[in-house]
Amino acid sequence: MTTTTSTVTAAISYAAEPRAIRVAVITVSDRAYQGIYKDESGPKVAAAFPADVYEVAIQRIVPDEANAISNEIVRCAEIERVDVILTTGGAGCSPRDVTPEATFKILQREVVGLSDAIRLSYRETHPTLMLSRGVSGIRNQSLVVNLPGSPENAKLALEIILPALPHFVKTVRQQRRPPRKTSTNSPGGDSGFPKQTKPRGYNR
């Protein structure tokens, strides 16, 4: 991909980040989950992240089942608290492609521009990207993006949105509330963290 002004700007943002941007890559595939074939899309997406800026903390494979997809996204956002969650696979037009539906129901806000960019940026050279039904949005403080399932298209899609990721992370980190101070007067002590409730859409 040709270096652009936005890519250079993103590189400057990378350097400004005090710690690595944590990423989860979730492959959605019945056959990869069953071990019928080796997952190629997930590792290719993970390898595309600059190692000096990003930490791919989680790589997992789930079947083409809506609850399995939703639960894994919520787990990565609510428990693992990664900055960016990418799915690859299950975003096409076949009857088993349910990743967009599974993702949409657990999003708290949409970020439609990312998915629109994926569909349109390579429309002349890779027209099949326009068939992607992937969605993008925010869960908790994590950005969730559905990528296509083929290794080549998944990598292309990531390259399209990569320049925007550091700005999202920087914005979210600036708005995070600091932990509450432990109160020595509270009976039994105060951990300083809010009480955890079962995340909406989490079915485990």
N, C-alpha and C. Protein backbone atom coordinates (compact mmCIF):
# COMPACT_ATOMS: atom_id res chain seq x y z
N MET A 1 0.84 -1.19 0.00
CA MET A 1 0.00 0.00 0.00
C MET A 1 0.88 1.24 0.00
N THR A 2 0.55 2.23 -0.81
CA THR A 2 1.35 3.44 -0.90
C THR A 2 1.23 4.25 0.38
N THR A 3 2.37 4.76 0.86
CA THR A 3 2.36 5.58 2.06
C THR A 3 1.63 6.88 1.79
N THR A 4 0.68 7.23 2.65
CA THR A 4 -0.12 8.43 2.51
C THR A 4 0.09 9.34 3.70
N THR A 5 -0.45 10.55 3.59
CA THR A 5 -0.33 11.50 4.70
C THR A 5 -0.98 10.94 5.95
N SER A 6 -2.12 10.25 5.81
CA SER A 6 -2.80 9.69 6.97
C SER A 6 -1.96 8.61 7.62
N THR A 7 -1.23 7.84 6.81
CA THR A 7 -0.38 6.79 7.37
C THR A 7 0.77 7.40 8.16
N VAL A 8 1.36 8.48 7.63
CA VAL A 8 2.43 9.16 8.34
C VAL A 8 1.92 9.75 9.65
N THR A 9 0.74 10.37 9.60
CA THR A 9 0.14 10.93 10.81
C THR A 9 -0.10 9.85 11.84
N ALA A 10 -0.58 8.68 11.38
CA ALA A 10 -0.81 7.58 12.30
C ALA A 10 0.48 7.13 12.94
N ALA A 11 1.57 7.13 12.17
CA ALA A 11 2.87 6.72 12.72
C ALA A 11 3.31 7.65 13.84
N ILE A 12 3.03 8.96 13.67
CA ILE A 12 3.36 9.91 14.72
C ILE A 12 2.52 9.63 15.96
N SER A 13 1.24 9.30 15.76
CA SER A 13 0.37 8.97 16.88
C SER A 13 0.86 7.73 17.59
N TYR A 14 1.37 6.74 16.82
CA TYR A 14 1.90 5.54 17.43
C TYR A 14 2.96 5.90 18.47
N ALA A 15 3.90 6.76 18.05
CA ALA A 15 5.02 7.10 18.91
C ALA A 15 4.55 7.81 20.17
N ALA A 16 3.42 8.52 20.08
CA ALA A 16 2.93 9.26 21.23
C ALA A 16 2.24 8.38 22.25
N GLU A 17 1.84 7.17 21.85
CA GLU A 17 1.16 6.28 22.78
C GLU A 17 2.13 5.75 23.83
N PRO A 18 1.77 5.86 25.13
CA PRO A 18 2.69 5.45 26.19
C PRO A 18 2.83 3.94 26.33
N ARG A 19 1.89 3.19 25.82
CA ARG A 19 1.97 1.73 25.92
C ARG A 19 1.34 1.12 24.68
N ALA A 20 1.62 -0.15 24.50
CA ALA A 20 1.17 -0.83 23.29
C ALA A 20 -0.35 -0.85 23.19
N ILE A 21 -0.83 -0.79 21.98
CA ILE A 21 -2.26 -0.95 21.70
C ILE A 21 -2.57 -2.44 21.68
N ARG A 22 -3.43 -2.89 22.58
CA ARG A 22 -3.72 -4.31 22.72
C ARG A 22 -4.84 -4.71 21.76
N VAL A 23 -4.62 -5.82 21.06
CA VAL A 23 -5.52 -6.25 20.00
C VAL A 23 -5.95 -7.70 20.23
N ALA A 24 -7.20 -7.98 19.90
CA ALA A 24 -7.70 -9.36 19.85
C ALA A 24 -8.13 -9.66 18.42
N VAL A 25 -7.73 -10.83 17.91
CA VAL A 25 -8.12 -11.27 16.57
C VAL A 25 -8.94 -12.54 16.72
N ILE A 26 -10.18 -12.50 16.27
CA ILE A 26 -11.09 -13.63 16.39
C ILE A 26 -11.42 -14.16 15.00
N THR A 27 -11.04 -15.39 14.72
CA THR A 27 -11.40 -16.03 13.46
C THR A 27 -12.72 -16.74 13.61
N VAL A 28 -13.65 -16.47 12.72
CA VAL A 28 -14.97 -17.11 12.74
C VAL A 28 -15.03 -18.11 11.60
N SER A 29 -15.01 -19.40 11.94
CA SER A 29 -15.01 -20.44 10.90
C SER A 29 -15.34 -21.78 11.53
N ASP A 30 -16.38 -22.43 11.03
CA ASP A 30 -16.72 -23.76 11.51
C ASP A 30 -15.58 -24.74 11.27
N ARG A 31 -15.04 -24.73 10.06
CA ARG A 31 -14.04 -25.73 9.69
C ARG A 31 -12.71 -25.51 10.39
N ALA A 32 -12.31 -24.26 10.56
CA ALA A 32 -11.08 -24.00 11.31
C ALA A 32 -11.26 -24.37 12.77
N TYR A 33 -12.44 -24.09 13.32
CA TYR A 33 -12.73 -24.43 14.72
C TYR A 33 -12.70 -25.94 14.93
N GLN A 34 -13.17 -26.69 13.94
CA GLN A 34 -13.19 -28.15 14.03
C GLN A 34 -11.86 -28.78 13.66
N GLY A 35 -10.90 -27.98 13.21
CA GLY A 35 -9.60 -28.49 12.84
C GLY A 35 -9.55 -29.14 11.47
N ILE A 36 -10.57 -28.89 10.64
CA ILE A 36 -10.61 -29.46 9.30
C ILE A 36 -9.55 -28.81 8.42
N TYR A 37 -9.34 -27.50 8.61
CA TYR A 37 -8.24 -26.85 7.92
C TYR A 37 -7.61 -25.82 8.84
N LYS A 38 -6.39 -25.43 8.50
CA LYS A 38 -5.64 -24.49 9.32
C LYS A 38 -6.13 -23.07 9.08
N ASP A 39 -6.27 -22.33 10.15
CA ASP A 39 -6.66 -20.93 10.05
C ASP A 39 -5.51 -20.12 9.45
N GLU A 40 -5.78 -19.44 8.35
CA GLU A 40 -4.78 -18.58 7.72
C GLU A 40 -5.10 -17.10 7.89
N SER A 41 -6.38 -16.78 7.97
CA SER A 41 -6.77 -15.37 8.04
C SER A 41 -6.35 -14.72 9.36
N GLY A 42 -6.62 -15.38 10.48
CA GLY A 42 -6.28 -14.82 11.78
C GLY A 42 -4.80 -14.50 11.91
N PRO A 43 -3.91 -15.47 11.65
CA PRO A 43 -2.47 -15.18 11.73
C PRO A 43 -2.01 -14.10 10.77
N LYS A 44 -2.63 -14.04 9.56
CA LYS A 44 -2.22 -13.01 8.61
C LYS A 44 -2.60 -11.62 9.10
N VAL A 45 -3.78 -11.51 9.70
CA VAL A 45 -4.20 -10.23 10.27
C VAL A 45 -3.29 -9.85 11.43
N ALA A 46 -3.02 -10.81 12.31
CA ALA A 46 -2.18 -10.53 13.48
C ALA A 46 -0.78 -10.08 13.06
N ALA A 47 -0.24 -10.70 12.02
CA ALA A 47 1.12 -10.38 11.58
C ALA A 47 1.20 -9.01 10.91
N ALA A 48 0.07 -8.44 10.51
CA ALA A 48 0.08 -7.16 9.81
C ALA A 48 0.21 -5.96 10.76
N PHE A 49 0.11 -6.19 12.05
CA PHE A 49 0.23 -5.09 13.01
C PHE A 49 1.70 -4.80 13.30
N PRO A 50 2.13 -3.54 13.23
CA PRO A 50 3.52 -3.19 13.59
C PRO A 50 3.80 -3.59 15.04
N ALA A 51 4.80 -4.43 15.24
CA ALA A 51 5.07 -5.00 16.56
C ALA A 51 5.54 -3.97 17.57
N ASP A 52 6.07 -2.84 17.09
CA ASP A 52 6.56 -1.84 18.03
C ASP A 52 5.45 -0.96 18.57
N VAL A 53 4.24 -1.11 18.03
CA VAL A 53 3.12 -0.28 18.46
C VAL A 53 1.98 -1.11 19.04
N TYR A 54 1.77 -2.29 18.46
CA TYR A 54 0.63 -3.13 18.84
C TYR A 54 1.09 -4.41 19.53
N GLU A 55 0.26 -4.87 20.44
CA GLU A 55 0.43 -6.19 21.05
C GLU A 55 -0.80 -7.01 20.72
N VAL A 56 -0.63 -8.04 19.90
CA VAL A 56 -1.74 -8.94 19.61
C VAL A 56 -1.85 -9.90 20.79
N ALA A 57 -2.69 -9.53 21.72
CA ALA A 57 -2.76 -10.25 23.00
C ALA A 57 -3.60 -11.51 22.91
N ILE A 58 -4.54 -11.56 21.98
CA ILE A 58 -5.48 -12.69 21.90
C ILE A 58 -5.68 -13.09 20.46
N GLN A 59 -5.58 -14.39 20.18
CA GLN A 59 -5.96 -14.96 18.90
C GLN A 59 -6.80 -16.20 19.19
N ARG A 60 -8.04 -16.17 18.73
CA ARG A 60 -8.93 -17.28 19.00
C ARG A 60 -9.76 -17.63 17.78
N ILE A 61 -10.26 -18.86 17.75
CA ILE A 61 -11.13 -19.34 16.68
C ILE A 61 -12.46 -19.74 17.30
N VAL A 62 -13.56 -19.27 16.71
CA VAL A 62 -14.89 -19.65 17.18
C VAL A 62 -15.68 -20.15 15.98
N PRO A 63 -16.71 -20.97 16.22
CA PRO A 63 -17.54 -21.45 15.10
C PRO A 63 -18.48 -20.38 14.60
N ASP A 64 -19.13 -20.64 13.48
CA ASP A 64 -20.11 -19.72 12.91
C ASP A 64 -21.42 -19.82 13.67
N GLU A 65 -21.38 -19.53 14.94
CA GLU A 65 -22.55 -19.55 15.81
C GLU A 65 -22.67 -18.19 16.47
N ALA A 66 -23.84 -17.58 16.39
CA ALA A 66 -24.02 -16.21 16.86
C ALA A 66 -23.63 -16.03 18.32
N ASN A 67 -24.06 -16.95 19.18
CA ASN A 67 -23.74 -16.80 20.61
C ASN A 67 -22.25 -16.93 20.87
N ALA A 68 -21.59 -17.84 20.18
CA ALA A 68 -20.15 -18.01 20.36
C ALA A 68 -19.40 -16.75 19.95
N ILE A 69 -19.82 -16.15 18.86
CA ILE A 69 -19.18 -14.92 18.37
C ILE A 69 -19.42 -13.77 19.35
N SER A 70 -20.67 -13.58 19.72
CA SER A 70 -21.01 -12.49 20.64
C SER A 70 -20.29 -12.62 21.97
N ASN A 71 -20.30 -13.83 22.52
CA ASN A 71 -19.67 -14.05 23.82
C ASN A 71 -18.18 -13.76 23.78
N GLU A 72 -17.52 -14.15 22.70
CA GLU A 72 -16.07 -13.94 22.62
C GLU A 72 -15.75 -12.45 22.48
N ILE A 73 -16.53 -11.72 21.71
CA ILE A 73 -16.31 -10.29 21.59
C ILE A 73 -16.51 -9.60 22.94
N VAL A 74 -17.59 -9.95 23.63
CA VAL A 74 -17.86 -9.35 24.94
C VAL A 74 -16.77 -9.70 25.94
N ARG A 75 -16.31 -10.94 25.91
CA ARG A 75 -15.24 -11.35 26.83
C ARG A 75 -13.98 -10.53 26.60
N CYS A 76 -13.63 -10.33 25.32
CA CYS A 76 -12.43 -9.54 25.01
C CYS A 76 -12.58 -8.09 25.44
N ALA A 77 -13.80 -7.56 25.32
CA ALA A 77 -14.04 -6.16 25.68
C ALA A 77 -14.19 -5.96 27.18
N GLU A 78 -14.93 -6.83 27.84
CA GLU A 78 -15.28 -6.62 29.23
C GLU A 78 -14.29 -7.23 30.21
N ILE A 79 -13.70 -8.35 29.85
CA ILE A 79 -12.79 -9.05 30.76
C ILE A 79 -11.34 -8.80 30.39
N GLU A 80 -10.99 -9.06 29.13
CA GLU A 80 -9.62 -8.83 28.68
C GLU A 80 -9.31 -7.35 28.49
N ARG A 81 -10.35 -6.55 28.19
CA ARG A 81 -10.23 -5.10 28.03
C ARG A 81 -9.15 -4.70 27.02
N VAL A 82 -9.18 -5.36 25.87
CA VAL A 82 -8.27 -4.97 24.80
C VAL A 82 -8.78 -3.69 24.16
N ASP A 83 -7.91 -3.02 23.42
CA ASP A 83 -8.28 -1.77 22.78
C ASP A 83 -9.04 -1.98 21.48
N VAL A 84 -8.64 -2.99 20.71
CA VAL A 84 -9.22 -3.23 19.40
C VAL A 84 -9.55 -4.71 19.26
N ILE A 85 -10.75 -5.02 18.78
CA ILE A 85 -11.18 -6.40 18.55
C ILE A 85 -11.53 -6.54 17.07
N LEU A 86 -10.84 -7.43 16.39
CA LEU A 86 -11.10 -7.68 14.97
C LEU A 86 -11.61 -9.10 14.79
N THR A 87 -12.69 -9.24 14.04
CA THR A 87 -13.13 -10.57 13.63
C THR A 87 -12.80 -10.73 12.16
N THR A 88 -12.52 -11.95 11.76
CA THR A 88 -12.31 -12.24 10.35
C THR A 88 -13.12 -13.48 10.00
N GLY A 89 -14.00 -13.33 9.01
CA GLY A 89 -14.84 -14.45 8.60
C GLY A 89 -16.29 -14.27 9.01
N GLY A 90 -17.18 -14.90 8.27
CA GLY A 90 -18.59 -14.91 8.61
C GLY A 90 -19.33 -13.62 8.31
N ALA A 91 -18.74 -12.75 7.47
CA ALA A 91 -19.37 -11.46 7.18
C ALA A 91 -19.91 -11.38 5.76
N GLY A 92 -19.97 -12.52 5.07
CA GLY A 92 -20.43 -12.53 3.69
C GLY A 92 -21.93 -12.76 3.58
N CYS A 93 -22.33 -13.42 2.51
CA CYS A 93 -23.75 -13.55 2.18
C CYS A 93 -24.28 -14.97 2.25
N SER A 94 -23.48 -15.91 2.74
CA SER A 94 -23.97 -17.29 2.85
C SER A 94 -24.85 -17.44 4.08
N PRO A 95 -25.69 -18.48 4.12
CA PRO A 95 -26.59 -18.66 5.27
C PRO A 95 -25.87 -18.77 6.61
N ARG A 96 -24.64 -19.27 6.62
CA ARG A 96 -23.89 -19.43 7.87
C ARG A 96 -23.13 -18.18 8.29
N ASP A 97 -23.15 -17.14 7.47
CA ASP A 97 -22.43 -15.90 7.78
C ASP A 97 -23.27 -15.04 8.72
N VAL A 98 -23.00 -15.15 10.01
CA VAL A 98 -23.81 -14.44 11.01
C VAL A 98 -22.98 -13.49 11.86
N THR A 99 -21.72 -13.27 11.49
CA THR A 99 -20.86 -12.39 12.30
C THR A 99 -21.43 -10.98 12.44
N PRO A 100 -21.93 -10.34 11.36
CA PRO A 100 -22.46 -8.99 11.53
C PRO A 100 -23.63 -8.93 12.53
N GLU A 101 -24.53 -9.89 12.44
CA GLU A 101 -25.67 -9.90 13.36
C GLU A 101 -25.21 -10.13 14.80
N ALA A 102 -24.28 -11.07 14.98
CA ALA A 102 -23.77 -11.37 16.32
C ALA A 102 -23.03 -10.19 16.91
N THR A 103 -22.34 -9.44 16.05
CA THR A 103 -21.59 -8.27 16.52
C THR A 103 -22.53 -7.10 16.83
N PHE A 104 -23.45 -6.85 15.94
CA PHE A 104 -24.32 -5.68 16.08
C PHE A 104 -25.11 -5.71 17.38
N LYS A 105 -25.55 -6.90 17.78
CA LYS A 105 -26.43 -6.95 18.96
C LYS A 105 -25.70 -6.64 20.26
N ILE A 106 -24.35 -6.68 20.26
CA ILE A 106 -23.64 -6.37 21.50
C ILE A 106 -22.90 -5.03 21.42
N LEU A 107 -23.01 -4.34 20.29
CA LEU A 107 -22.39 -3.01 20.19
C LEU A 107 -23.21 -2.00 20.98
N GLN A 108 -22.52 -1.05 21.58
CA GLN A 108 -23.18 0.04 22.27
C GLN A 108 -23.28 1.29 21.40
N ARG A 109 -22.34 1.46 20.47
CA ARG A 109 -22.38 2.54 19.49
C ARG A 109 -21.75 2.04 18.20
N GLU A 110 -22.26 2.53 17.07
CA GLU A 110 -21.70 2.16 15.78
C GLU A 110 -20.64 3.15 15.33
N VAL A 111 -19.68 2.64 14.54
CA VAL A 111 -18.68 3.49 13.87
C VAL A 111 -18.71 3.06 12.40
N VAL A 112 -19.72 3.54 11.69
CA VAL A 112 -20.02 2.99 10.36
C VAL A 112 -18.94 3.31 9.33
N GLY A 113 -18.18 4.39 9.53
CA GLY A 113 -17.20 4.80 8.54
C GLY A 113 -16.14 3.76 8.26
N LEU A 114 -15.76 2.99 9.27
CA LEU A 114 -14.73 1.97 9.07
C LEU A 114 -15.20 0.89 8.11
N SER A 115 -16.40 0.38 8.34
CA SER A 115 -16.92 -0.68 7.46
C SER A 115 -17.21 -0.15 6.07
N ASP A 116 -17.68 1.09 5.98
CA ASP A 116 -17.91 1.67 4.66
C ASP A 116 -16.60 1.79 3.88
N ALA A 117 -15.54 2.19 4.58
CA ALA A 117 -14.23 2.32 3.92
C ALA A 117 -13.74 0.97 3.42
N ILE A 118 -13.94 -0.07 4.21
CA ILE A 118 -13.52 -1.42 3.80
C ILE A 118 -14.25 -1.83 2.52
N ARG A 119 -15.54 -1.56 2.47
CA ARG A 119 -16.32 -1.98 1.31
C ARG A 119 -15.97 -1.21 0.04
N LEU A 120 -15.56 0.04 0.17
CA LEU A 120 -15.44 0.91 -1.01
C LEU A 120 -14.01 1.21 -1.45
N SER A 121 -13.03 1.08 -0.57
CA SER A 121 -11.68 1.52 -0.91
C SER A 121 -11.07 0.76 -2.08
N TYR A 122 -11.35 -0.54 -2.18
CA TYR A 122 -10.76 -1.36 -3.25
C TYR A 122 -11.85 -1.87 -4.20
N ARG A 123 -12.90 -1.09 -4.39
CA ARG A 123 -14.03 -1.59 -5.17
C ARG A 123 -13.68 -1.90 -6.62
N GLU A 124 -12.65 -1.25 -7.17
CA GLU A 124 -12.29 -1.50 -8.57
C GLU A 124 -11.40 -2.71 -8.72
N THR A 125 -10.45 -2.88 -7.80
CA THR A 125 -9.52 -4.01 -7.92
C THR A 125 -9.99 -5.26 -7.16
N HIS A 126 -10.79 -5.07 -6.11
CA HIS A 126 -11.31 -6.20 -5.32
C HIS A 126 -12.81 -5.99 -5.08
N PRO A 127 -13.62 -6.14 -6.14
CA PRO A 127 -15.05 -5.83 -6.01
C PRO A 127 -15.79 -6.71 -5.01
N THR A 128 -15.25 -7.89 -4.68
CA THR A 128 -15.94 -8.76 -3.72
C THR A 128 -16.00 -8.15 -2.32
N LEU A 129 -15.13 -7.17 -2.04
CA LEU A 129 -15.19 -6.51 -0.73
C LEU A 129 -16.51 -5.77 -0.54
N MET A 130 -17.16 -5.38 -1.64
CA MET A 130 -18.44 -4.69 -1.53
C MET A 130 -19.54 -5.61 -1.01
N LEU A 131 -19.30 -6.92 -1.06
CA LEU A 131 -20.28 -7.88 -0.57
C LEU A 131 -20.16 -8.13 0.93
N SER A 132 -19.14 -7.56 1.54
CA SER A 132 -18.98 -7.73 2.98
C SER A 132 -20.10 -7.01 3.72
N ARG A 133 -20.73 -7.69 4.66
CA ARG A 133 -21.80 -7.08 5.45
C ARG A 133 -21.28 -6.66 6.83
N GLY A 134 -19.97 -6.62 6.98
CA GLY A 134 -19.37 -6.34 8.27
C GLY A 134 -19.82 -5.03 8.89
N VAL A 135 -19.84 -5.01 10.22
CA VAL A 135 -20.20 -3.81 10.97
C VAL A 135 -19.03 -3.43 11.87
N SER A 136 -19.07 -2.20 12.38
CA SER A 136 -18.02 -1.70 13.27
C SER A 136 -18.68 -0.87 14.37
N GLY A 137 -18.07 -0.90 15.54
CA GLY A 137 -18.62 -0.10 16.62
C GLY A 137 -17.84 -0.26 17.90
N ILE A 138 -18.43 0.20 18.98
CA ILE A 138 -17.76 0.24 20.27
C ILE A 138 -18.51 -0.60 21.28
N ARG A 139 -17.79 -1.39 22.02
CA ARG A 139 -18.31 -2.14 23.16
C ARG A 139 -17.41 -1.82 24.35
N ASN A 140 -18.02 -1.29 25.41
CA ASN A 140 -17.25 -0.84 26.56
C ASN A 140 -16.27 0.23 26.07
N GLN A 141 -14.98 -0.01 26.12
CA GLN A 141 -14.00 0.94 25.59
C GLN A 141 -13.14 0.28 24.51
N SER A 142 -13.72 -0.71 23.84
CA SER A 142 -13.03 -1.45 22.77
C SER A 142 -13.69 -1.16 21.43
N LEU A 143 -12.86 -0.99 20.40
CA LEU A 143 -13.35 -0.84 19.04
C LEU A 143 -13.45 -2.22 18.41
N VAL A 144 -14.62 -2.53 17.85
CA VAL A 144 -14.88 -3.84 17.24
C VAL A 144 -15.09 -3.64 15.74
N VAL A 145 -14.37 -4.40 14.92
CA VAL A 145 -14.50 -4.29 13.47
C VAL A 145 -14.56 -5.69 12.86
N ASN A 146 -15.55 -5.91 12.00
CA ASN A 146 -15.64 -7.16 11.24
C ASN A 146 -14.82 -7.04 9.96
N LEU A 147 -13.85 -7.94 9.77
CA LEU A 147 -13.08 -8.01 8.54
C LEU A 147 -13.58 -9.16 7.68
N PRO A 148 -13.31 -9.14 6.37
CA PRO A 148 -13.67 -10.28 5.52
C PRO A 148 -12.94 -11.55 5.95
N GLY A 149 -13.35 -12.68 5.37
CA GLY A 149 -12.80 -13.96 5.78
C GLY A 149 -11.58 -14.43 5.03
N SER A 150 -11.42 -14.04 3.77
CA SER A 150 -10.26 -14.51 3.02
C SER A 150 -9.00 -13.82 3.54
N PRO A 151 -7.88 -14.54 3.58
CA PRO A 151 -6.65 -13.93 4.11
C PRO A 151 -6.25 -12.65 3.41
N GLU A 152 -6.33 -12.63 2.07
CA GLU A 152 -5.92 -11.45 1.32
C GLU A 152 -6.84 -10.27 1.61
N ASN A 153 -8.16 -10.50 1.55
CA ASN A 153 -9.10 -9.41 1.78
C ASN A 153 -9.08 -8.93 3.23
N ALA A 154 -8.85 -9.84 4.16
CA ALA A 154 -8.76 -9.45 5.56
C ALA A 154 -7.58 -8.52 5.78
N LYS A 155 -6.44 -8.84 5.18
CA LYS A 155 -5.26 -8.00 5.31
C LYS A 155 -5.47 -6.64 4.64
N LEU A 156 -6.08 -6.63 3.46
CA LEU A 156 -6.38 -5.37 2.78
C LEU A 156 -7.29 -4.49 3.64
N ALA A 157 -8.31 -5.12 4.22
CA ALA A 157 -9.26 -4.37 5.04
C ALA A 157 -8.57 -3.76 6.25
N LEU A 158 -7.67 -4.53 6.87
CA LEU A 158 -6.95 -3.99 8.01
C LEU A 158 -6.08 -2.81 7.61
N GLU A 159 -5.41 -2.91 6.47
CA GLU A 159 -4.57 -1.81 6.00
C GLU A 159 -5.38 -0.54 5.77
N ILE A 160 -6.64 -0.69 5.38
CA ILE A 160 -7.50 0.46 5.14
C ILE A 160 -7.79 1.21 6.45
N ILE A 161 -8.08 0.46 7.51
CA ILE A 161 -8.51 1.10 8.76
C ILE A 161 -7.37 1.36 9.73
N LEU A 162 -6.20 0.78 9.48
CA LEU A 162 -5.09 0.88 10.43
C LEU A 162 -4.72 2.32 10.81
N PRO A 163 -4.69 3.26 9.86
CA PRO A 163 -4.32 4.64 10.24
C PRO A 163 -5.27 5.29 11.25
N ALA A 164 -6.51 4.79 11.34
CA ALA A 164 -7.49 5.40 12.24
C ALA A 164 -7.44 4.84 13.66
N LEU A 165 -6.83 3.69 13.84
CA LEU A 165 -6.89 3.02 15.14
C LEU A 165 -6.20 3.79 16.26
N PRO A 166 -4.99 4.33 16.06
CA PRO A 166 -4.34 5.04 17.17
C PRO A 166 -5.14 6.22 17.70
N HIS A 167 -5.83 6.93 16.81
CA HIS A 167 -6.61 8.07 17.26
C HIS A 167 -7.76 7.61 18.16
N PHE A 168 -8.41 6.51 17.78
CA PHE A 168 -9.48 5.98 18.63
C PHE A 168 -8.94 5.63 20.01
N VAL A 169 -7.83 4.91 20.03
CA VAL A 169 -7.26 4.47 21.31
C VAL A 169 -6.85 5.67 22.16
N LYS A 170 -6.22 6.64 21.53
CA LYS A 170 -5.80 7.84 22.26
C LYS A 170 -7.00 8.55 22.86
N THR A 171 -8.07 8.69 22.09
CA THR A 171 -9.27 9.37 22.57
C THR A 171 -9.88 8.64 23.75
N VAL A 172 -9.99 7.33 23.64
CA VAL A 172 -10.60 6.54 24.71
C VAL A 172 -9.74 6.59 25.98
N ARG A 173 -8.43 6.47 25.82
CA ARG A 173 -7.56 6.48 26.99
C ARG A 173 -7.59 7.81 27.72
N GLN A 174 -7.74 8.90 26.99
CA GLN A 174 -7.80 10.21 27.62
C GLN A 174 -9.07 10.39 28.44
N GLN A 175 -10.13 9.68 28.08
CA GLN A 175 -11.41 9.85 28.74
C GLN A 175 -11.68 8.82 29.82
N ARG A 176 -10.77 7.87 29.98
CA ARG A 176 -10.95 6.86 31.02
C ARG A 176 -10.84 7.51 32.40
N ARG A 177 -11.73 7.14 33.27
CA ARG A 177 -11.69 7.66 34.62
C ARG A 177 -10.60 6.94 35.42
N PRO A 178 -9.84 7.67 36.24
CA PRO A 178 -8.85 7.00 37.07
C PRO A 178 -9.53 6.15 38.14
N PRO A 179 -8.88 5.07 38.59
CA PRO A 179 -9.47 4.23 39.65
C PRO A 179 -9.74 5.05 40.90
N ARG A 180 -10.82 4.72 41.58
CA ARG A 180 -11.12 5.40 42.83
C ARG A 180 -10.09 5.02 43.89
N LYS A 181 -9.81 5.96 44.78
CA LYS A 181 -8.86 5.69 45.86
C LYS A 181 -9.49 4.74 46.86
N THR A 182 -8.67 3.82 47.40
CA THR A 182 -9.17 2.88 48.39
C THR A 182 -9.52 3.63 49.66
N SER A 183 -10.71 3.36 50.15
CA SER A 183 -11.15 4.00 51.39
C SER A 183 -10.83 3.12 52.58
N THR A 184 -10.10 3.66 53.53
CA THR A 184 -9.75 2.89 54.73
C THR A 184 -10.90 2.83 55.71
N ASN A 185 -11.96 3.65 55.46
CA ASN A 185 -13.09 3.68 56.38
C ASN A 185 -14.23 2.76 55.96
N SER A 186 -14.12 2.19 54.76
CA SER A 186 -15.19 1.34 54.27
C SER A 186 -15.12 -0.02 54.93
N PRO A 187 -16.26 -0.54 55.41
CA PRO A 187 -16.27 -1.87 56.00
C PRO A 187 -15.80 -2.90 55.00
N GLY A 188 -14.80 -3.67 55.38
CA GLY A 188 -14.30 -4.70 54.49
C GLY A 188 -13.40 -4.17 53.41
N GLY A 189 -13.19 -2.82 53.38
CA GLY A 189 -12.32 -2.24 52.36
C GLY A 189 -13.05 -1.99 51.06
N ASP A 190 -12.50 -1.11 50.27
CA ASP A 190 -13.07 -0.77 48.97
C ASP A 190 -12.01 -1.03 47.92
N SER A 191 -12.29 -1.89 46.98
CA SER A 191 -11.30 -2.28 45.99
C SER A 191 -10.96 -1.13 45.04
N GLY A 192 -11.84 -0.11 45.00
CA GLY A 192 -11.59 0.99 44.07
C GLY A 192 -12.17 0.77 42.70
N PHE A 193 -12.80 -0.38 42.47
CA PHE A 193 -13.38 -0.68 41.17
C PHE A 193 -14.89 -0.75 41.29
N PRO A 194 -15.61 -0.34 40.25
CA PRO A 194 -17.07 -0.43 40.30
C PRO A 194 -17.50 -1.88 40.31
N LYS A 195 -18.68 -2.11 40.87
CA LYS A 195 -19.21 -3.48 40.90
C LYS A 195 -19.43 -3.95 39.48
N GLN A 196 -19.09 -5.22 39.22
CA GLN A 196 -19.23 -5.78 37.88
C GLN A 196 -20.62 -6.36 37.71
N THR A 197 -21.25 -6.05 36.62
CA THR A 197 -22.53 -6.64 36.28
C THR A 197 -22.36 -7.49 35.04
N LYS A 198 -23.28 -8.37 34.83
CA LYS A 198 -23.20 -9.23 33.65
C LYS A 198 -23.37 -8.39 32.41
N PRO A 199 -22.40 -8.39 31.47
CA PRO A 199 -22.48 -7.55 30.28
C PRO A 199 -23.71 -7.89 29.44
N ARG A 200 -24.33 -6.85 28.87
CA ARG A 200 -25.45 -7.06 27.98
C ARG A 200 -25.02 -7.89 26.79
N GLY A 201 -25.78 -8.95 26.50
CA GLY A 201 -25.46 -9.78 25.36
C GLY A 201 -24.49 -10.89 25.66
N TYR A 202 -24.06 -11.00 26.94
CA TYR A 202 -23.09 -12.03 27.29
C TYR A 202 -23.86 -13.24 27.80
N ASN A 203 -23.79 -14.35 27.08
CA ASN A 203 -24.70 -15.48 27.34
C ASN A 203 -24.04 -16.65 28.00
N ARG A 204 -22.73 -16.49 28.33
CA ARG A 204 -22.03 -17.64 28.91
C ARG A 204 -22.56 -17.92 30.31
